[in-house]
Amino acid sequence: MKDLLWDYQNNPPLYPSWQAWLRDRQPALLAIWGRNDLFFIPAGAEAYARDVADAEVVLLDTGHFALEEEADEIAIRTGELLRRAFA
């Protein structure tokens, strides 16, 4: 786990290439976040909308463990996204 956390420092320098890929490809994108997450703040989810025109950004009334707290809501929204993307 420590190795994984340490390796995260290598991600930010890659952001520009990931953002370029998103702008170029415009994939179906659901960014669903906990509004009260102290580690992955809402601005991180909202940033996707700058690169993907139809990005769906959802901020749930949860913290860092949104999936554990709102699994049903996340499953519903994920299913909807997949139905739209592959219809």
PDB file of N, CA and C in Angstrom:
ATOM      1  N   MET A   1       0.825  -1.192   0.000  1.00  0.00           N
ATOM      2  CA  MET A   1       0.000   0.000   0.000  1.00  0.00           C
ATOM      3  C   MET A   1       0.875   1.264   0.000  1.00  0.00           C
ATOM      4  N   LYS A   2       1.943   1.211   0.763  1.00  0.00           N
ATOM      5  CA  LYS A   2       2.840   2.366   0.784  1.00  0.00           C
ATOM      6  C   LYS A   2       3.443   2.624  -0.593  1.00  0.00           C
ATOM      7  N   ASP A   3       3.781   1.552  -1.310  1.00  0.00           N
ATOM      8  CA  ASP A   3       4.331   1.706  -2.658  1.00  0.00           C
ATOM      9  C   ASP A   3       3.316   2.363  -3.587  1.00  0.00           C
ATOM     10  N   LEU A   4       2.070   1.948  -3.463  1.00  0.00           N
ATOM     11  CA  LEU A   4       1.015   2.524  -4.293  1.00  0.00           C
ATOM     12  C   LEU A   4       0.841   4.013  -3.989  1.00  0.00           C
ATOM     13  N   LEU A   5       0.795   4.355  -2.717  1.00  0.00           N
ATOM     14  CA  LEU A   5       0.656   5.760  -2.334  1.00  0.00           C
ATOM     15  C   LEU A   5       1.866   6.582  -2.786  1.00  0.00           C
ATOM     16  N   TRP A   6       3.056   6.023  -2.632  1.00  0.00           N
ATOM     17  CA  TRP A   6       4.265   6.723  -3.047  1.00  0.00           C
ATOM     18  C   TRP A   6       4.253   6.956  -4.552  1.00  0.00           C
ATOM     19  N   ASP A   7       3.777   5.971  -5.317  1.00  0.00           N
ATOM     20  CA  ASP A   7       3.784   6.065  -6.767  1.00  0.00           C
ATOM     21  C   ASP A   7       2.819   7.134  -7.289  1.00  0.00           C
ATOM     22  N   TYR A   8       1.840   7.539  -6.500  1.00  0.00           N
ATOM     23  CA  TYR A   8       0.884   8.547  -6.961  1.00  0.00           C
ATOM     24  C   TYR A   8       1.570   9.830  -7.421  1.00  0.00           C
ATOM     25  N   GLN A   9       2.719  10.123  -6.887  1.00  0.00           N
ATOM     26  CA  GLN A   9       3.451  11.330  -7.276  1.00  0.00           C
ATOM     27  C   GLN A   9       3.773  11.339  -8.771  1.00  0.00           C
ATOM     28  N   ASN A  10       3.761  10.179  -9.398  1.00  0.00           N
ATOM     29  CA  ASN A  10       4.042  10.095 -10.833  1.00  0.00           C
ATOM     30  C   ASN A  10       2.839  10.439 -11.695  1.00  0.00           C
ATOM     31  N   ASN A  11       1.654  10.530 -11.109  1.00  0.00           N
ATOM     32  CA  ASN A  11       0.450  10.820 -11.885  1.00  0.00           C
ATOM     33  C   ASN A  11       0.338  12.268 -12.364  1.00  0.00           C
ATOM     34  N   PRO A  12       0.489  13.272 -11.511  1.00  0.00           N
ATOM     35  CA  PRO A  12       0.285  14.655 -11.965  1.00  0.00           C
ATOM     36  C   PRO A  12       1.059  15.058 -13.217  1.00  0.00           C
ATOM     37  N   PRO A  13       2.308  14.633 -13.386  1.00  0.00           N
ATOM     38  CA  PRO A  13       2.987  15.015 -14.630  1.00  0.00           C
ATOM     39  C   PRO A  13       2.326  14.431 -15.888  1.00  0.00           C
ATOM     40  N   LEU A  14       1.532  13.377 -15.715  1.00  0.00           N
ATOM     41  CA  LEU A  14       0.846  12.751 -16.850  1.00  0.00           C
ATOM     42  C   LEU A  14      -0.502  13.383 -17.157  1.00  0.00           C
ATOM     43  N   TYR A  15      -1.013  14.237 -16.268  1.00  0.00           N
ATOM     44  CA  TYR A  15      -2.342  14.830 -16.455  1.00  0.00           C
ATOM     45  C   TYR A  15      -2.517  15.495 -17.823  1.00  0.00           C
ATOM     46  N   PRO A  16      -1.567  16.291 -18.303  1.00  0.00           N
ATOM     47  CA  PRO A  16      -1.784  16.934 -19.605  1.00  0.00           C
ATOM     48  C   PRO A  16      -2.022  15.934 -20.737  1.00  0.00           C
ATOM     49  N   SER A  17      -1.325  14.817 -20.744  1.00  0.00           N
ATOM     50  CA  SER A  17      -1.553  13.840 -21.819  1.00  0.00           C
ATOM     51  C   SER A  17      -2.895  13.146 -21.643  1.00  0.00           C
ATOM     52  N   TRP A  18      -3.305  12.880 -20.412  1.00  0.00           N
ATOM     53  CA  TRP A  18      -4.620  12.275 -20.180  1.00  0.00           C
ATOM     54  C   TRP A  18      -5.725  13.250 -20.586  1.00  0.00           C
ATOM     55  N   GLN A  19      -5.548  14.521 -20.232  1.00  0.00           N
ATOM     56  CA  GLN A  19      -6.550  15.525 -20.594  1.00  0.00           C
ATOM     57  C   GLN A  19      -6.649  15.691 -22.100  1.00  0.00           C
ATOM     58  N   ALA A  20      -5.528  15.633 -22.796  1.00  0.00           N
ATOM     59  CA  ALA A  20      -5.540  15.719 -24.263  1.00  0.00           C
ATOM     60  C   ALA A  20      -6.290  14.532 -24.856  1.00  0.00           C
ATOM     61  N   TRP A  21      -6.083  13.354 -24.301  1.00  0.00           N
ATOM     62  CA  TRP A  21      -6.791  12.171 -24.770  1.00  0.00           C
ATOM     63  C   TRP A  21      -8.304  12.344 -24.593  1.00  0.00           C
ATOM     64  N   LEU A  22      -8.698  12.842 -23.430  1.00  0.00           N
ATOM     65  CA  LEU A  22     -10.126  13.071 -23.175  1.00  0.00           C
ATOM     66  C   LEU A  22     -10.702  14.086 -24.156  1.00  0.00           C
ATOM     67  N   ARG A  23      -9.994  15.183 -24.384  1.00  0.00           N
ATOM     68  CA  ARG A  23     -10.477  16.205 -25.321  1.00  0.00           C
ATOM     69  C   ARG A  23     -10.597  15.644 -26.737  1.00  0.00           C
ATOM     70  N   ASP A  24      -9.649  14.810 -27.118  1.00  0.00           N
ATOM     71  CA  ASP A  24      -9.646  14.241 -28.461  1.00  0.00           C
ATOM     72  C   ASP A  24     -10.726  13.174 -28.639  1.00  0.00           C
ATOM     73  N   ARG A  25     -10.876  12.303 -27.669  1.00  0.00           N
ATOM     74  CA  ARG A  25     -11.772  11.149 -27.802  1.00  0.00           C
ATOM     75  C   ARG A  25     -13.208  11.409 -27.363  1.00  0.00           C
ATOM     76  N   GLN A  26     -13.422  12.321 -26.426  1.00  0.00           N
ATOM     77  CA  GLN A  26     -14.755  12.634 -25.903  1.00  0.00           C
ATOM     78  C   GLN A  26     -15.531  11.376 -25.501  1.00  0.00           C
ATOM     79  N   PRO A  27     -14.967  10.570 -24.601  1.00  0.00           N
ATOM     80  CA  PRO A  27     -15.659   9.336 -24.214  1.00  0.00           C
ATOM     81  C   PRO A  27     -16.875   9.626 -23.328  1.00  0.00           C
ATOM     82  N   ALA A  28     -17.776   8.654 -23.251  1.00  0.00           N
ATOM     83  CA  ALA A  28     -18.842   8.733 -22.249  1.00  0.00           C
ATOM     84  C   ALA A  28     -18.137   8.774 -20.895  1.00  0.00           C
ATOM     85  N   LEU A  29     -18.509   9.716 -20.058  1.00  0.00           N
ATOM     86  CA  LEU A  29     -17.757   9.906 -18.821  1.00  0.00           C
ATOM     87  C   LEU A  29     -18.688  10.250 -17.674  1.00  0.00           C
ATOM     88  N   LEU A  30     -18.586   9.492 -16.619  1.00  0.00           N
ATOM     89  CA  LEU A  30     -19.307   9.748 -15.375  1.00  0.00           C
ATOM     90  C   LEU A  30     -18.269   9.974 -14.293  1.00  0.00           C
ATOM     91  N   ALA A  31     -18.226  11.176 -13.761  1.00  0.00           N
ATOM     92  CA  ALA A  31     -17.359  11.491 -12.621  1.00  0.00           C
ATOM     93  C   ALA A  31     -18.282  11.628 -11.424  1.00  0.00           C
ATOM     94  N   ILE A  32     -18.291  10.627 -10.582  1.00  0.00           N
ATOM     95  CA  ILE A  32     -19.195  10.635  -9.426  1.00  0.00           C
ATOM     96  C   ILE A  32     -18.335  10.616  -8.167  1.00  0.00           C
ATOM     97  N   TRP A  33     -18.503  11.634  -7.369  1.00  0.00           N
ATOM     98  CA  TRP A  33     -17.602  11.948  -6.261  1.00  0.00           C
ATOM     99  C   TRP A  33     -18.400  12.143  -4.973  1.00  0.00           C
ATOM    100  N   GLY A  34     -17.714  12.017  -3.865  1.00  0.00           N
ATOM    101  CA  GLY A  34     -18.271  12.442  -2.587  1.00  0.00           C
ATOM    102  C   GLY A  34     -18.017  13.937  -2.413  1.00  0.00           C
ATOM    103  N   ARG A  35     -19.068  14.693  -2.261  1.00  0.00           N
ATOM    104  CA  ARG A  35     -18.956  16.146  -2.110  1.00  0.00           C
ATOM    105  C   ARG A  35     -18.047  16.542  -0.938  1.00  0.00           C
ATOM    106  N   ASN A  36     -17.998  15.694   0.076  1.00  0.00           N
ATOM    107  CA  ASN A  36     -17.236  16.009   1.289  1.00  0.00           C
ATOM    108  C   ASN A  36     -15.918  15.251   1.385  1.00  0.00           C
ATOM    109  N   ASP A  37     -15.449  14.715   0.275  1.00  0.00           N
ATOM    110  CA  ASP A  37     -14.180  13.990   0.253  1.00  0.00           C
ATOM    111  C   ASP A  37     -13.042  14.988   0.450  1.00  0.00           C
ATOM    112  N   LEU A  38     -12.223  14.743   1.442  1.00  0.00           N
ATOM    113  CA  LEU A  38     -11.109  15.645   1.738  1.00  0.00           C
ATOM    114  C   LEU A  38      -9.879  15.339   0.890  1.00  0.00           C
ATOM    115  N   PHE A  39      -9.842  14.157   0.272  1.00  0.00           N
ATOM    116  CA  PHE A  39      -8.675  13.758  -0.520  1.00  0.00           C
ATOM    117  C   PHE A  39      -8.875  14.045  -2.002  1.00  0.00           C
ATOM    118  N   PHE A  40     -10.044  13.677  -2.515  1.00  0.00           N
ATOM    119  CA  PHE A  40     -10.374  13.932  -3.919  1.00  0.00           C
ATOM    120  C   PHE A  40     -11.504  14.952  -3.916  1.00  0.00           C
ATOM    121  N   ILE A  41     -11.134  16.197  -3.922  1.00  0.00           N
ATOM    122  CA  ILE A  41     -12.103  17.281  -3.739  1.00  0.00           C
ATOM    123  C   ILE A  41     -12.988  17.442  -4.983  1.00  0.00           C
ATOM    124  N   PRO A  42     -14.160  18.047  -4.822  1.00  0.00           N
ATOM    125  CA  PRO A  42     -15.088  18.209  -5.937  1.00  0.00           C
ATOM    126  C   PRO A  42     -14.475  18.825  -7.191  1.00  0.00           C
ATOM    127  N   ALA A  43     -13.534  19.709  -7.036  1.00  0.00           N
ATOM    128  CA  ALA A  43     -12.909  20.323  -8.211  1.00  0.00           C
ATOM    129  C   ALA A  43     -12.275  19.275  -9.125  1.00  0.00           C
ATOM    130  N   GLY A  44     -11.836  18.168  -8.550  1.00  0.00           N
ATOM    131  CA  GLY A  44     -11.269  17.091  -9.359  1.00  0.00           C
ATOM    132  C   GLY A  44     -12.302  16.475 -10.284  1.00  0.00           C
ATOM    133  N   ALA A  45     -13.514  16.303  -9.799  1.00  0.00           N
ATOM    134  CA  ALA A  45     -14.599  15.779 -10.638  1.00  0.00           C
ATOM    135  C   ALA A  45     -15.016  16.816 -11.672  1.00  0.00           C
ATOM    136  N   GLU A  46     -15.154  18.043 -11.219  1.00  0.00           N
ATOM    137  CA  GLU A  46     -15.613  19.113 -12.114  1.00  0.00           C
ATOM    138  C   GLU A  46     -14.631  19.378 -13.248  1.00  0.00           C
ATOM    139  N   ALA A  47     -13.368  19.083 -13.040  1.00  0.00           N
ATOM    140  CA  ALA A  47     -12.352  19.314 -14.072  1.00  0.00           C
ATOM    141  C   ALA A  47     -12.621  18.486 -15.323  1.00  0.00           C
ATOM    142  N   TYR A  48     -13.224  17.327 -15.162  1.00  0.00           N
ATOM    143  CA  TYR A  48     -13.520  16.493 -16.337  1.00  0.00           C
ATOM    144  C   TYR A  48     -14.436  17.204 -17.320  1.00  0.00           C
ATOM    145  N   ALA A  49     -15.330  18.013 -16.819  1.00  0.00           N
ATOM    146  CA  ALA A  49     -16.274  18.723 -17.693  1.00  0.00           C
ATOM    147  C   ALA A  49     -15.570  19.743 -18.588  1.00  0.00           C
ATOM    148  N   ARG A  50     -14.379  20.150 -18.233  1.00  0.00           N
ATOM    149  CA  ARG A  50     -13.630  21.076 -19.093  1.00  0.00           C
ATOM    150  C   ARG A  50     -13.078  20.366 -20.331  1.00  0.00           C
ATOM    151  N   ASP A  51     -12.869  19.057 -20.218  1.00  0.00           N
ATOM    152  CA  ASP A  51     -12.276  18.310 -21.317  1.00  0.00           C
ATOM    153  C   ASP A  51     -13.283  17.475 -22.104  1.00  0.00           C
ATOM    154  N   VAL A  52     -14.361  17.055 -21.463  1.00  0.00           N
ATOM    155  CA  VAL A  52     -15.366  16.219 -22.124  1.00  0.00           C
ATOM    156  C   VAL A  52     -16.695  16.972 -22.079  1.00  0.00           C
ATOM    157  N   ALA A  53     -17.152  17.391 -23.244  1.00  0.00           N
ATOM    158  CA  ALA A  53     -18.336  18.257 -23.332  1.00  0.00           C
ATOM    159  C   ALA A  53     -19.567  17.656 -22.662  1.00  0.00           C
ATOM    160  N   ASP A  54     -19.779  16.364 -22.813  1.00  0.00           N
ATOM    161  CA  ASP A  54     -20.982  15.733 -22.254  1.00  0.00           C
ATOM    162  C   ASP A  54     -20.709  14.983 -20.953  1.00  0.00           C
ATOM    163  N   ALA A  55     -19.631  15.312 -20.285  1.00  0.00           N
ATOM    164  CA  ALA A  55     -19.314  14.633 -19.023  1.00  0.00           C
ATOM    165  C   ALA A  55     -20.460  14.830 -18.038  1.00  0.00           C
ATOM    166  N   GLU A  56     -20.778  13.766 -17.327  1.00  0.00           N
ATOM    167  CA  GLU A  56     -21.777  13.851 -16.266  1.00  0.00           C
ATOM    168  C   GLU A  56     -21.024  13.897 -14.939  1.00  0.00           C
ATOM    169  N   VAL A  57     -21.136  14.998 -14.249  1.00  0.00           N
ATOM    170  CA  VAL A  57     -20.460  15.183 -12.966  1.00  0.00           C
ATOM    171  C   VAL A  57     -21.516  15.163 -11.874  1.00  0.00           C
ATOM    172  N   VAL A  58     -21.354  14.243 -10.937  1.00  0.00           N
ATOM    173  CA  VAL A  58     -22.318  14.073  -9.852  1.00  0.00           C
ATOM    174  C   VAL A  58     -21.562  14.151  -8.536  1.00  0.00           C
ATOM    175  N   LEU A  59     -22.005  15.034  -7.670  1.00  0.00           N
ATOM    176  CA  LEU A  59     -21.417  15.144  -6.336  1.00  0.00           C
ATOM    177  C   LEU A  59     -22.441  14.643  -5.330  1.00  0.00           C
ATOM    178  N   LEU A  60     -22.138  13.521  -4.720  1.00  0.00           N
ATOM    179  CA  LEU A  60     -23.036  12.926  -3.736  1.00  0.00           C
ATOM    180  C   LEU A  60     -22.736  13.471  -2.345  1.00  0.00           C
ATOM    181  N   ASP A  61     -23.713  13.417  -1.477  1.00  0.00           N
ATOM    182  CA  ASP A  61     -23.555  13.906  -0.106  1.00  0.00           C
ATOM    183  C   ASP A  61     -22.861  12.835   0.740  1.00  0.00           C
ATOM    184  N   THR A  62     -21.585  12.585   0.387  1.00  0.00           N
ATOM    185  CA  THR A  62     -20.784  11.594   1.089  1.00  0.00           C
ATOM    186  C   THR A  62     -19.373  12.142   1.251  1.00  0.00           C
ATOM    187  N   GLY A  63     -18.549  11.326   1.849  1.00  0.00           N
ATOM    188  CA  GLY A  63     -17.134  11.659   1.973  1.00  0.00           C
ATOM    189  C   GLY A  63     -16.322  10.813   1.007  1.00  0.00           C
ATOM    190  N   HIS A  64     -15.166  10.362   1.465  1.00  0.00           N
ATOM    191  CA  HIS A  64     -14.228   9.628   0.618  1.00  0.00           C
ATOM    192  C   HIS A  64     -14.767   8.261   0.194  1.00  0.00           C
ATOM    193  N   PHE A  65     -15.613   7.662   0.988  1.00  0.00           N
ATOM    194  CA  PHE A  65     -16.089   6.309   0.707  1.00  0.00           C
ATOM    195  C   PHE A  65     -17.478   6.326   0.078  1.00  0.00           C
ATOM    196  N   ALA A  66     -17.612   7.088  -0.987  1.00  0.00           N
ATOM    197  CA  ALA A  66     -18.904   7.243  -1.656  1.00  0.00           C
ATOM    198  C   ALA A  66     -19.477   5.907  -2.105  1.00  0.00           C
ATOM    199  N   LEU A  67     -18.652   5.035  -2.620  1.00  0.00           N
ATOM    200  CA  LEU A  67     -19.156   3.756  -3.115  1.00  0.00           C
ATOM    201  C   LEU A  67     -19.757   2.920  -1.994  1.00  0.00           C
ATOM    202  N   GLU A  68     -19.147   2.947  -0.843  1.00  0.00           N
ATOM    203  CA  GLU A  68     -19.683   2.195   0.291  1.00  0.00           C
ATOM    204  C   GLU A  68     -20.971   2.827   0.818  1.00  0.00           C
ATOM    205  N   GLU A  69     -21.079   4.145   0.718  1.00  0.00           N
ATOM    206  CA  GLU A  69     -22.238   4.839   1.267  1.00  0.00           C
ATOM    207  C   GLU A  69     -23.392   4.976   0.289  1.00  0.00           C
ATOM    208  N   GLU A  70     -23.097   5.016  -1.000  1.00  0.00           N
ATOM    209  CA  GLU A  70     -24.130   5.257  -2.019  1.00  0.00           C
ATOM    210  C   GLU A  70     -24.017   4.275  -3.182  1.00  0.00           C
ATOM    211  N   ALA A  71     -23.777   2.999  -2.865  1.00  0.00           N
ATOM    212  CA  ALA A  71     -23.561   1.989  -3.909  1.00  0.00           C
ATOM    213  C   ALA A  71     -24.744   1.900  -4.874  1.00  0.00           C
ATOM    214  N   ASP A  72     -25.972   1.945  -4.356  1.00  0.00           N
ATOM    215  CA  ASP A  72     -27.143   1.822  -5.231  1.00  0.00           C
ATOM    216  C   ASP A  72     -27.230   2.986  -6.213  1.00  0.00           C
ATOM    217  N   GLU A  73     -27.040   4.193  -5.726  1.00  0.00           N
ATOM    218  CA  GLU A  73     -27.090   5.382  -6.590  1.00  0.00           C
ATOM    219  C   GLU A  73     -25.998   5.326  -7.658  1.00  0.00           C
ATOM    220  N   ILE A  74     -24.809   4.927  -7.247  1.00  0.00           N
ATOM    221  CA  ILE A  74     -23.691   4.843  -8.191  1.00  0.00           C
ATOM    222  C   ILE A  74     -23.958   3.757  -9.228  1.00  0.00           C
ATOM    223  N   ALA A  75     -24.508   2.629  -8.802  1.00  0.00           N
ATOM    224  CA  ALA A  75     -24.823   1.543  -9.739  1.00  0.00           C
ATOM    225  C   ALA A  75     -25.874   1.991 -10.752  1.00  0.00           C
ATOM    226  N   ILE A  76     -26.891   2.689 -10.293  1.00  0.00           N
ATOM    227  CA  ILE A  76     -27.937   3.176 -11.200  1.00  0.00           C
ATOM    228  C   ILE A  76     -27.343   4.124 -12.232  1.00  0.00           C
ATOM    229  N   ARG A  77     -26.576   5.083 -11.777  1.00  0.00           N
ATOM    230  CA  ARG A  77     -25.996   6.068 -12.705  1.00  0.00           C
ATOM    231  C   ARG A  77     -24.991   5.428 -13.664  1.00  0.00           C
ATOM    232  N   THR A  78     -24.244   4.452 -13.180  1.00  0.00           N
ATOM    233  CA  THR A  78     -23.305   3.750 -14.056  1.00  0.00           C
ATOM    234  C   THR A  78     -24.063   2.963 -15.120  1.00  0.00           C
ATOM    235  N   GLY A  79     -25.124   2.287 -14.711  1.00  0.00           N
ATOM    236  CA  GLY A  79     -25.945   1.558 -15.671  1.00  0.00           C
ATOM    237  C   GLY A  79     -26.544   2.473 -16.725  1.00  0.00           C
ATOM    238  N   GLU A  80     -27.028   3.634 -16.301  1.00  0.00           N
ATOM    239  CA  GLU A  80     -27.588   4.606 -17.255  1.00  0.00           C
ATOM    240  C   GLU A  80     -26.532   5.066 -18.254  1.00  0.00           C
ATOM    241  N   LEU A  81     -25.329   5.361 -17.760  1.00  0.00           N
ATOM    242  CA  LEU A  81     -24.253   5.795 -18.646  1.00  0.00           C
ATOM    243  C   LEU A  81     -23.922   4.708 -19.671  1.00  0.00           C
ATOM    244  N   LEU A  82     -23.831   3.463 -19.214  1.00  0.00           N
ATOM    245  CA  LEU A  82     -23.504   2.369 -20.126  1.00  0.00           C
ATOM    246  C   LEU A  82     -24.608   2.155 -21.157  1.00  0.00           C
ATOM    247  N   ARG A  83     -25.861   2.273 -20.741  1.00  0.00           N
ATOM    248  CA  ARG A  83     -26.968   2.131 -21.698  1.00  0.00           C
ATOM    249  C   ARG A  83     -26.900   3.217 -22.779  1.00  0.00           C
ATOM    250  N   ARG A  84     -26.617   4.442 -22.366  1.00  0.00           N
ATOM    251  CA  ARG A  84     -26.514   5.527 -23.347  1.00  0.00           C
ATOM    252  C   ARG A  84     -25.304   5.334 -24.264  1.00  0.00           C
ATOM    253  N   ALA A  85     -24.196   4.916 -23.684  1.00  0.00           N
ATOM    254  CA  ALA A  85     -22.952   4.793 -24.456  1.00  0.00           C
ATOM    255  C   ALA A  85     -23.009   3.660 -25.477  1.00  0.00           C
ATOM    256  N   PHE A  86     -23.757   2.613 -25.158  1.00  0.00           N
ATOM    257  CA  PHE A  86     -23.767   1.441 -26.022  1.00  0.00           C
ATOM    258  C   PHE A  86     -25.122   1.174 -26.658  1.00  0.00           C
ATOM    259  N   ALA A  87     -25.965   2.195 -26.701  1.00  0.00           N
ATOM    260  CA  ALA A  87     -27.305   2.019 -27.297  1.00  0.00           C
ATOM    261  C   ALA A  87     -27.227   2.004 -28.803  1.00  0.00           C
TER     262      ALA A  87
END
